[in-house]
C-alpha atoms as a PDB file:
ATOM      1  CA  UNK A   1       0.000   0.000   0.000  1.00  0.00           C
ATOM      2  CA  UNK A   2       1.129   3.549  -0.652  1.00  0.00           C
ATOM      3  CA  UNK A   3      -0.263   6.815   0.746  1.00  0.00           C
ATOM      4  CA  UNK A   4       0.479   9.839  -1.431  1.00  0.00           C
ATOM      5  CA  UNK A   5       0.083  13.432  -0.271  1.00  0.00           C
ATOM      6  CA  UNK A   6       0.245  16.056  -3.019  1.00  0.00           C
ATOM      7  CA  UNK A   7       0.341  19.714  -1.965  1.00  0.00           C
ATOM      8  CA  UNK A   8      -1.849  18.864   1.005  1.00  0.00           C
ATOM      9  CA  UNK A   9      -2.663  21.542   3.555  1.00  0.00           C
ATOM     10  CA  UNK A  10      -4.720  21.950   6.705  1.00  0.00           C
ATOM     11  CA  UNK A  11      -5.747  25.167   8.405  1.00  0.00           C
ATOM     12  CA  UNK A  12      -7.751  26.112  11.454  1.00  0.00           C
ATOM     13  CA  UNK A  13      -9.541  29.430  11.099  1.00  0.00           C
ATOM     14  CA  UNK A  14      -7.012  31.588   9.202  1.00  0.00           C
ATOM     15  CA  UNK A  15      -3.796  29.897  10.335  1.00  0.00           C
ATOM     16  CA  UNK A  16      -2.175  27.126   8.277  1.00  0.00           C
ATOM     17  CA  UNK A  17      -1.017  24.171  10.358  1.00  0.00           C
ATOM     18  CA  UNK A  18       0.850  22.754   7.365  1.00  0.00           C
ATOM     19  CA  UNK A  19       0.733  23.642   3.687  1.00  0.00           C
ATOM     20  CA  UNK A  20       2.161  22.307   0.403  1.00  0.00           C
ATOM     21  CA  UNK A  21       2.997  18.969   2.044  1.00  0.00           C
ATOM     22  CA  UNK A  22       3.989  16.378  -0.578  1.00  0.00           C
ATOM     23  CA  UNK A  23       5.275  12.949   0.426  1.00  0.00           C
ATOM     24  CA  UNK A  24       4.832   9.271  -0.473  1.00  0.00           C
ATOM     25  CA  UNK A  25       4.475   6.783   2.385  1.00  0.00           C
ATOM     26  CA  UNK A  26       5.251   3.185   1.396  1.00  0.00           C
ATOM     27  CA  UNK A  27       4.327   0.126   3.464  1.00  0.00           C
ATOM     28  CA  UNK A  28       7.830  -1.266   2.946  1.00  0.00           C
ATOM     29  CA  UNK A  29       9.472   1.557   4.943  1.00  0.00           C
ATOM     30  CA  UNK A  30       9.265   2.979   8.462  1.00  0.00           C
ATOM     31  CA  UNK A  31       8.764   6.665   9.159  1.00  0.00           C
ATOM     32  CA  UNK A  32       9.171   8.989  12.125  1.00  0.00           C
ATOM     33  CA  UNK A  33       7.399  12.337  12.298  1.00  0.00           C
ATOM     34  CA  UNK A  34       9.225  14.705  14.616  1.00  0.00           C
ATOM     35  CA  UNK A  35       8.819  18.307  15.666  1.00  0.00           C
ATOM     36  CA  UNK A  36       8.258  20.571  18.607  1.00  0.00           C
ATOM     37  CA  UNK A  37       4.993  20.872  20.528  1.00  0.00           C
ATOM     38  CA  UNK A  38       2.281  22.463  18.416  1.00  0.00           C
ATOM     39  CA  UNK A  39       4.059  21.924  15.093  1.00  0.00           C
ATOM     40  CA  UNK A  40       1.211  19.878  13.544  1.00  0.00           C
ATOM     41  CA  UNK A  41       2.402  16.252  13.920  1.00  0.00           C
ATOM     42  CA  UNK A  42      -0.872  14.935  15.348  1.00  0.00           C
ATOM     43  CA  UNK A  43      -2.915  17.000  12.918  1.00  0.00           C
ATOM     44  CA  UNK A  44      -0.987  15.547   9.980  1.00  0.00           C
ATOM     45  CA  UNK A  45      -1.603  11.997  11.220  1.00  0.00           C
ATOM     46  CA  UNK A  46      -5.311  12.710  11.770  1.00  0.00           C
ATOM     47  CA  UNK A  47      -5.602  14.082   8.223  1.00  0.00           C
ATOM     48  CA  UNK A  48      -3.858  11.007   6.795  1.00  0.00           C
ATOM     49  CA  UNK A  49      -6.146   8.719   8.848  1.00  0.00           C
ATOM     50  CA  UNK A  50      -9.261  10.554   7.628  1.00  0.00           C
ATOM     51  CA  UNK A  51     -10.304  11.833  11.065  1.00  0.00           C
ATOM     52  CA  UNK A  52      -9.873  15.452   9.895  1.00  0.00           C
ATOM     53  CA  UNK A  53     -10.541  16.920   6.482  1.00  0.00           C
ATOM     54  CA  UNK A  54      -7.752  18.736   4.673  1.00  0.00           C
ATOM     55  CA  UNK A  55      -8.274  22.141   3.071  1.00  0.00           C
ATOM     56  CA  UNK A  56      -6.156  21.830  -0.055  1.00  0.00           C
ATOM     57  CA  UNK A  57      -4.338  19.244  -2.136  1.00  0.00           C
ATOM     58  CA  UNK A  58      -5.025  15.533  -2.475  1.00  0.00           C
ATOM     59  CA  UNK A  59      -4.447  12.338  -0.545  1.00  0.00           C
ATOM     60  CA  UNK A  60      -4.428   9.086  -2.506  1.00  0.00           C
ATOM     61  CA  UNK A  61      -4.243   5.533  -1.167  1.00  0.00           C
ATOM     62  CA  UNK A  62      -2.983   2.988  -3.678  1.00  0.00           C
ATOM     63  CA  UNK A  63      -3.152  -0.741  -3.031  1.00  0.00           C
ATOM     64  CA  UNK A  64      -0.501  -2.732  -4.840  1.00  0.00           C
END
C-alpha cells in the first residue's frame, strides 16, 4: 500500500497548520514524524487517517 500526499494543507480558522505537504508513504518503509509541541504532527496523522478533512491538495491511497 502507498499513501500519497500532493500539496496537502490543513488550516484552522485563518492559520495554516501545514501547507504544500507532498510525500509518499510506502508500506515497505518505516517513518518517524518529529517536531516541537504544536508543530502539527498529530494534525498531519489525523488528516492522513481521515479523522480530519484537509483544506487543499489531495491524498491518494494505492493498493498494490
